[in-house]
Protein backbone atom coordinates (compact mmCIF):
# COMPACT_ATOMS: atom_id res chain seq x y z
CA MET A 1 0.04 0.11 -0.08
CA THR A 2 1.25 3.23 -1.10
CA ASP A 3 0.15 6.93 -0.06
CA ALA A 4 -1.76 6.92 -3.32
CA PHE A 5 -4.30 4.58 -2.17
CA ASP A 6 -7.70 4.62 -3.67
CA PHE A 7 -10.11 5.54 -1.18
CA THR A 8 -13.17 4.61 -3.28
CA ARG A 9 -11.88 1.34 -3.49
CA TYR A 10 -11.51 1.44 0.33
CA LEU A 11 -15.22 2.20 0.73
CA ALA A 12 -16.20 -0.58 -1.50
CA ALA A 13 -13.83 -3.18 0.13
CA LYS A 14 -15.42 -2.51 3.54
CA ARG A 15 -18.85 -3.31 2.40
CA THR A 16 -18.63 -6.83 3.36
CA VAL A 17 -16.64 -6.02 6.60
CA ASP A 18 -19.69 -3.59 7.48
CA ASP A 19 -22.33 -6.18 6.61
CA ARG A 20 -20.65 -8.79 8.99
CA ALA A 21 -20.53 -6.40 11.73
CA LEU A 22 -23.84 -4.21 11.85
CA ASN A 23 -25.82 -5.06 15.07
CA ARG A 24 -28.72 -7.26 13.72
CA HIS A 25 -31.02 -6.23 16.90
CA VAL A 26 -30.25 -2.58 16.15
CA TRP A 27 -31.35 -3.10 12.39
CA GLN A 28 -34.23 -5.14 13.02
CA THR A 29 -35.44 -2.63 15.68
CA LEU A 30 -35.27 0.00 13.21
CA ALA A 31 -36.94 -2.02 10.59
CA ASP A 32 -39.72 -2.37 12.91
CA ALA A 33 -39.85 1.38 13.61
CA VAL A 34 -40.06 1.73 10.14
CA ALA A 35 -42.83 0.01 9.50
CA ALA A 36 -44.75 1.01 12.56
CA GLU A 37 -44.37 4.30 13.38
CA LEU A 38 -43.86 6.46 10.25
CA PRO A 39 -46.40 8.24 8.19
CA ARG A 40 -48.48 6.86 5.71
CA ASP A 41 -49.81 9.87 3.47
CA ARG A 42 -46.91 10.77 1.84
CA PRO A 43 -43.50 9.30 0.67
CA LEU A 44 -41.07 8.15 3.93
CA ARG A 45 -38.19 10.96 3.66
CA VAL A 46 -34.93 9.40 4.42
CA LEU A 47 -31.48 11.32 4.47
CA GLU A 48 -28.27 9.68 4.51
CA VAL A 49 -25.22 12.12 5.58
CA GLY A 50 -21.58 10.97 4.59
CA ALA A 51 -23.17 8.60 2.20
CA GLY A 52 -19.76 7.68 0.40
CA ILE A 53 -20.29 5.51 -2.71
CA GLY A 54 -23.61 4.21 -1.85
CA THR A 55 -23.34 1.05 -0.12
CA MET A 56 -26.04 1.80 2.63
CA VAL A 57 -28.33 2.59 0.09
CA GLU A 58 -27.45 -1.04 -1.54
CA ARG A 59 -27.60 -2.40 2.08
CA CYS A 60 -31.10 -1.08 2.84
CA VAL A 61 -32.67 -2.33 -0.59
CA GLU A 62 -31.20 -5.57 -0.20
CA TRP A 63 -31.71 -6.09 3.57
CA GLY A 64 -35.45 -4.85 3.08
CA LEU A 65 -35.77 -1.73 5.49
CA PHE A 66 -38.44 -0.19 3.90
CA SER A 67 -40.16 -3.19 2.38
CA ARG A 68 -42.70 -3.61 5.21
CA SER A 69 -43.75 -0.19 5.25
CA GLY A 70 -45.85 -0.26 2.12
CA ILE A 71 -45.35 3.37 1.11
CA ASP A 72 -43.07 5.19 -1.29
CA VAL A 73 -39.49 6.34 -0.01
CA SER A 74 -37.52 9.43 -1.08
CA TYR A 75 -33.97 8.75 -0.19
CA THR A 76 -31.41 11.58 -0.18
CA ALA A 77 -27.72 10.66 0.05
CA ILE A 78 -24.99 13.59 0.42
CA ASP A 79 -21.28 13.26 0.81
CA ASN A 80 -18.69 16.20 0.76
CA GLU A 81 -16.59 14.43 -2.03
CA GLU A 82 -17.61 14.44 -5.48
CA SER A 83 -15.85 11.38 -6.39
CA ASN A 84 -17.61 9.68 -3.90
CA ILE A 85 -21.05 10.67 -5.21
CA ASP A 86 -19.93 9.99 -8.73
CA LEU A 87 -19.14 6.32 -7.80
CA ALA A 88 -22.46 6.20 -6.00
CA ARG A 89 -24.26 7.40 -9.36
CA ARG A 90 -22.96 4.50 -11.22
CA ARG A 91 -23.43 2.15 -8.30
CA LEU A 92 -27.06 3.07 -7.97
CA ALA A 93 -27.83 3.77 -11.54
CA HIS A 94 -30.31 0.96 -11.54
CA LEU A 95 -32.17 2.52 -8.71
CA MET A 96 -31.94 5.94 -9.61
CA SER A 97 -33.81 4.98 -13.07
CA GLY A 98 -36.90 3.40 -11.24
CA GLY A 99 -35.02 -0.15 -10.57
CA GLU A 100 -36.74 -0.42 -7.11
CA ALA A 101 -40.48 0.05 -7.27
CA GLY A 102 -41.37 2.79 -4.62
CA LEU A 103 -37.72 4.06 -3.96
CA ARG A 104 -36.62 7.59 -5.30
CA VAL A 105 -33.01 8.09 -4.87
CA ARG A 106 -31.09 11.61 -5.11
CA LEU A 107 -27.67 11.74 -4.66
CA GLN A 108 -25.81 15.39 -3.95
CA THR A 109 -22.58 16.50 -3.12
CA ALA A 110 -22.68 18.81 -0.24
CA ASP A 111 -21.34 19.73 3.22
CA LEU A 112 -23.08 18.44 6.23
CA TYR A 113 -23.40 21.93 7.81
CA GLU A 114 -24.37 23.75 4.63
CA PHE A 115 -27.10 21.36 3.89
CA ALA A 116 -28.30 21.25 7.37
CA GLY A 117 -28.66 25.20 7.48
CA ARG A 118 -30.94 25.37 4.50
CA ARG A 119 -34.55 26.51 5.99
CA GLU A 120 -36.05 23.79 3.97
CA ASN A 121 -34.00 20.99 5.58
CA ARG A 122 -35.08 21.56 9.02
CA GLN A 123 -37.30 19.03 10.79
CA ARG A 124 -37.76 17.89 6.82
CA PHE A 125 -36.87 14.00 7.15
CA ASP A 126 -38.32 11.12 8.70
CA LEU A 127 -35.30 9.25 9.23
CA ILE A 128 -31.43 10.39 9.44
CA ILE A 129 -28.63 7.87 8.89
CA ALA A 130 -25.15 8.11 9.40
CA HIS A 131 -22.90 5.16 8.52
CA ALA A 132 -19.15 5.46 9.87
CA LEU A 133 -19.24 8.94 10.26
CA LEU A 134 -19.74 10.35 13.54
CA ASP A 135 -16.58 9.37 15.11
CA LEU A 136 -14.76 11.90 12.21
CA LEU A 137 -16.81 14.72 13.68
CA HIS A 138 -17.06 16.77 16.93
CA LEU A 139 -20.08 15.04 18.17
CA PRO A 140 -21.03 18.11 20.69
CA ALA A 141 -21.12 20.13 17.26
CA ALA A 142 -22.63 17.74 14.63
CA LEU A 143 -25.26 15.69 16.72
CA PRO A 144 -27.51 18.71 17.28
CA VAL A 145 -27.35 19.76 13.61
CA LEU A 146 -27.97 16.10 12.59
CA LEU A 147 -30.98 15.72 14.75
CA GLN A 148 -32.37 19.29 13.97
CA MET A 149 -33.34 17.78 10.35
CA VAL A 150 -35.33 15.12 11.59
CA ARG A 151 -39.13 15.88 12.51
CA PRO A 152 -40.39 15.40 16.04
CA ALA A 153 -40.80 11.78 16.77
CA GLY A 154 -38.85 10.79 13.60
CA LEU A 155 -35.86 8.12 13.56
CA PHE A 156 -32.14 8.29 13.68
CA TYR A 157 -29.76 5.26 12.54
CA PHE A 158 -26.14 5.87 13.63
CA SER A 159 -23.93 2.85 12.92
CA ILE A 160 -20.38 1.66 12.89
CA ASN A 161 -18.96 4.33 15.87
CA PHE A 162 -15.94 3.39 16.88
CA ASP A 163 -15.41 2.84 20.60
CA GLY A 164 -11.65 2.76 21.54
CA ALA A 165 -10.34 -0.80 20.95
CA THR A 166 -8.01 -1.61 17.95
CA LEU A 167 -6.43 -5.21 17.80
CA PHE A 168 -4.05 -6.54 15.47
CA LEU A 169 -3.27 -10.23 16.11
CA PRO A 170 -1.04 -12.16 16.94
CA GLU A 171 1.04 -9.98 19.22
CA VAL A 172 4.38 -8.65 18.14
CA ASP A 173 5.42 -7.24 21.57
CA PRO A 174 2.58 -6.24 24.08
CA GLU A 175 4.33 -3.17 25.17
CA LEU A 176 4.64 -2.07 21.43
CA ASP A 177 1.34 -2.96 20.42
CA GLY A 178 -0.52 -1.07 23.21
CA ARG A 179 1.67 1.80 22.55
CA ILE A 180 1.16 2.23 19.01
CA GLU A 181 -2.86 1.42 19.60
CA ALA A 182 -2.76 4.50 22.48
CA LEU A 183 -1.05 6.68 20.00
CA TYR A 184 -3.22 5.84 17.04
CA HIS A 185 -6.21 6.57 19.22
CA ARG A 186 -4.78 9.69 20.42
CA SER A 187 -4.45 10.98 16.99
CA MET A 188 -8.51 10.81 16.53
CA ASP A 189 -8.92 12.68 19.72
CA THR A 190 -6.63 15.52 18.59
CA ARG A 191 -7.66 15.45 14.99
CA ILE A 192 -8.27 18.76 13.64
CA THR A 193 -10.06 19.74 10.32
CA ASP A 194 -10.73 23.22 8.66
CA GLY A 195 -9.31 24.36 12.14
CA GLN A 196 -12.00 22.49 13.92
CA PRO A 197 -11.91 19.31 16.21
CA SER A 198 -12.89 16.29 14.18
CA GLY A 199 -13.18 12.89 15.67
CA ASP A 200 -13.45 11.11 18.96
CA SER A 201 -11.70 7.41 19.72
CA ARG A 202 -14.51 6.52 22.45
CA THR A 203 -17.66 8.15 20.07
CA GLY A 204 -19.35 5.07 20.81
CA ARG A 205 -19.58 4.88 24.24
CA ARG A 206 -20.35 8.81 24.46
CA LEU A 207 -23.16 8.54 22.07
CA PHE A 208 -25.51 7.33 24.46
CA HIS A 209 -25.63 10.15 26.92
CA ALA A 210 -25.20 13.07 23.84
CA LEU A 211 -28.31 11.59 22.59
CA ARG A 212 -30.12 11.93 25.79
CA ALA A 213 -28.81 15.47 26.07
CA CYS A 214 -30.16 16.33 22.75
CA GLY A 215 -33.60 14.88 23.83
CA ALA A 216 -33.47 11.55 21.60
CA GLU A 217 -34.59 8.44 22.85
CA VAL A 218 -32.56 5.22 22.22
CA LEU A 219 -34.38 2.31 21.04
CA ALA A 220 -31.47 0.02 20.59
CA ALA A 221 -27.74 0.05 20.89
CA GLY A 222 -25.33 -2.92 20.45
CA SER A 223 -21.89 -3.34 19.55
CA SER A 224 -20.84 -3.91 15.64
CA ASP A 225 -17.13 -4.74 15.70
CA TRP A 226 -15.05 -5.37 12.52
CA VAL A 227 -13.33 -8.82 12.56
CA VAL A 228 -11.37 -9.44 9.33
CA HIS A 229 -9.47 -12.71 9.38
CA ALA A 230 -8.44 -14.94 6.37
CA VAL A 231 -10.41 -18.03 5.36
CA GLY A 232 -8.23 -21.10 3.88
CA GLY A 233 -5.39 -18.76 3.92
CA ASP A 234 -7.11 -15.91 1.68
CA TYR A 235 -9.17 -12.87 2.98
CA PRO A 236 -12.44 -12.88 1.76
CA ALA A 237 -14.04 -10.65 -1.15
CA ASP A 238 -11.64 -7.66 -1.35
CA GLU A 239 -10.95 -7.47 2.17
CA ALA A 240 -7.04 -7.88 1.99
CA TYR A 241 -7.42 -4.16 0.26
CA PHE A 242 -8.96 -3.12 3.24
CA LEU A 243 -6.41 -4.44 5.55
CA GLY A 244 -3.82 -3.03 3.69
CA CYS A 245 -5.64 0.46 4.01
CA ILE A 246 -5.81 0.08 7.68
CA LEU A 247 -2.20 -0.53 7.73
CA HIS A 248 -1.59 2.19 5.85
CA PHE A 249 -3.66 4.45 7.95
CA VAL A 250 -1.99 3.50 10.78
CA GLU A 251 1.64 4.02 9.19
CA SER A 252 0.61 7.61 7.75
CA THR A 253 -0.81 8.82 11.02
CA LEU A 254 2.33 7.61 13.52
CA ARG A 255 5.28 7.89 10.75
CA GLY A 256 7.74 10.23 12.49
CA HIS A 257 5.80 10.36 15.76
CA PRO A 258 8.10 11.47 18.39
CA GLU A 259 6.72 8.95 20.90
CA LEU A 260 7.83 5.93 18.51
CA ASP A 261 11.23 5.10 17.68
CA GLY A 262 11.35 4.93 13.71
CA GLY A 263 13.28 1.77 13.40
CA GLU A 264 11.08 0.16 16.14
CA PHE A 265 7.88 1.28 14.21
CA GLY A 266 9.53 0.37 10.87
CA GLY A 267 10.15 -3.22 12.26
CA TRP A 268 6.62 -3.62 13.59
CA LEU A 269 4.82 -2.59 10.28
CA ASN A 270 7.06 -5.05 8.28
CA THR A 271 6.08 -7.72 10.75
CA ARG A 272 2.46 -7.16 10.52
CA ARG A 273 2.78 -6.97 6.62
CA GLY A 274 4.48 -10.31 6.52
CA GLN A 275 1.57 -11.58 8.67
CA PHE A 276 -0.89 -10.20 6.44
CA ALA A 277 1.02 -11.63 3.44
CA ASP A 278 0.83 -15.18 5.01
CA GLY A 279 -3.00 -14.80 5.61
CA GLU A 280 -2.19 -14.95 9.54
CA MET A 281 -3.01 -11.35 10.74
CA VAL A 282 -6.48 -10.82 12.49
CA TYR A 283 -7.75 -6.99 12.68
CA VAL A 284 -10.57 -6.21 15.19
CA ALA A 285 -11.92 -2.71 15.89
CA HIS A 286 -14.71 -2.17 18.36
CA GLN A 287 -17.60 -0.22 17.45
CA LEU A 288 -21.38 0.29 18.29
CA ASP A 289 -24.63 1.09 16.49
CA TYR A 290 -27.79 2.94 17.70
CA CYS A 291 -31.25 3.61 16.61
CA GLY A 292 -33.99 5.54 18.21
CA ARG A 293 -36.54 8.56 18.03
CA VAL A 294 -35.68 12.38 18.18
CA GLY A 295 -37.78 14.28 20.85
CA GLY A 296 -40.86 15.80 20.29
């Protein structure tokens, strides 16, 4: 893996990882709420923020999230990267041209805060989805902005929220492994984007009370850990590329860090890449999923 890796391929490669990880109890609770509680006199209005290349749209269709609602669905998906939306348009072309009865998909390149600031989007949506996004944002600022776009008693689904544990197995050196993990997590806690804080390595656990503080009710929460390992000596689907990206993220984040000896860190990376090449490396990241209802 070089610095010039393909981020859209990474997003596509993690589709199968996410599919295994997503908490099915939380998903089923969301599906039950969609079927039972949302309005029947107009299309269901869904907003996904940070939609990437459209894998959650695909998942909602394939897993039948809206199939029991019996109404049409207007699904708006936004992302701030035009390259992501361009690929999403290609991946979802069949859905955007009416390939799924009752589903209308609209894709848009947009900044979250600019989109939320439009008057017409205030309390507009029945369901908001943020997948693998909230741990990249400053939660105290972002969460109220997200929830203000949902109508009173509408629903939210926030999935794959990182929660403070990264494991590479087997161990190389327990002390070094722990130090690298701690420094990697610290980089999330101190990350600044456009002059503002942007991330938290313990977003998962902090979401519960952050949602309550915003007047939202949690209907279900549960773990959604990434667990990636080889089967029969090979990593499934395109998950070898996904793992290569994870090692790339660690290397690019910690290269030159004053609390890491460069040679020691380089040796650790070489060992991990050797384990990876031999199909021996296992990667685990702890995350949490939430669904619930916005306050009235």
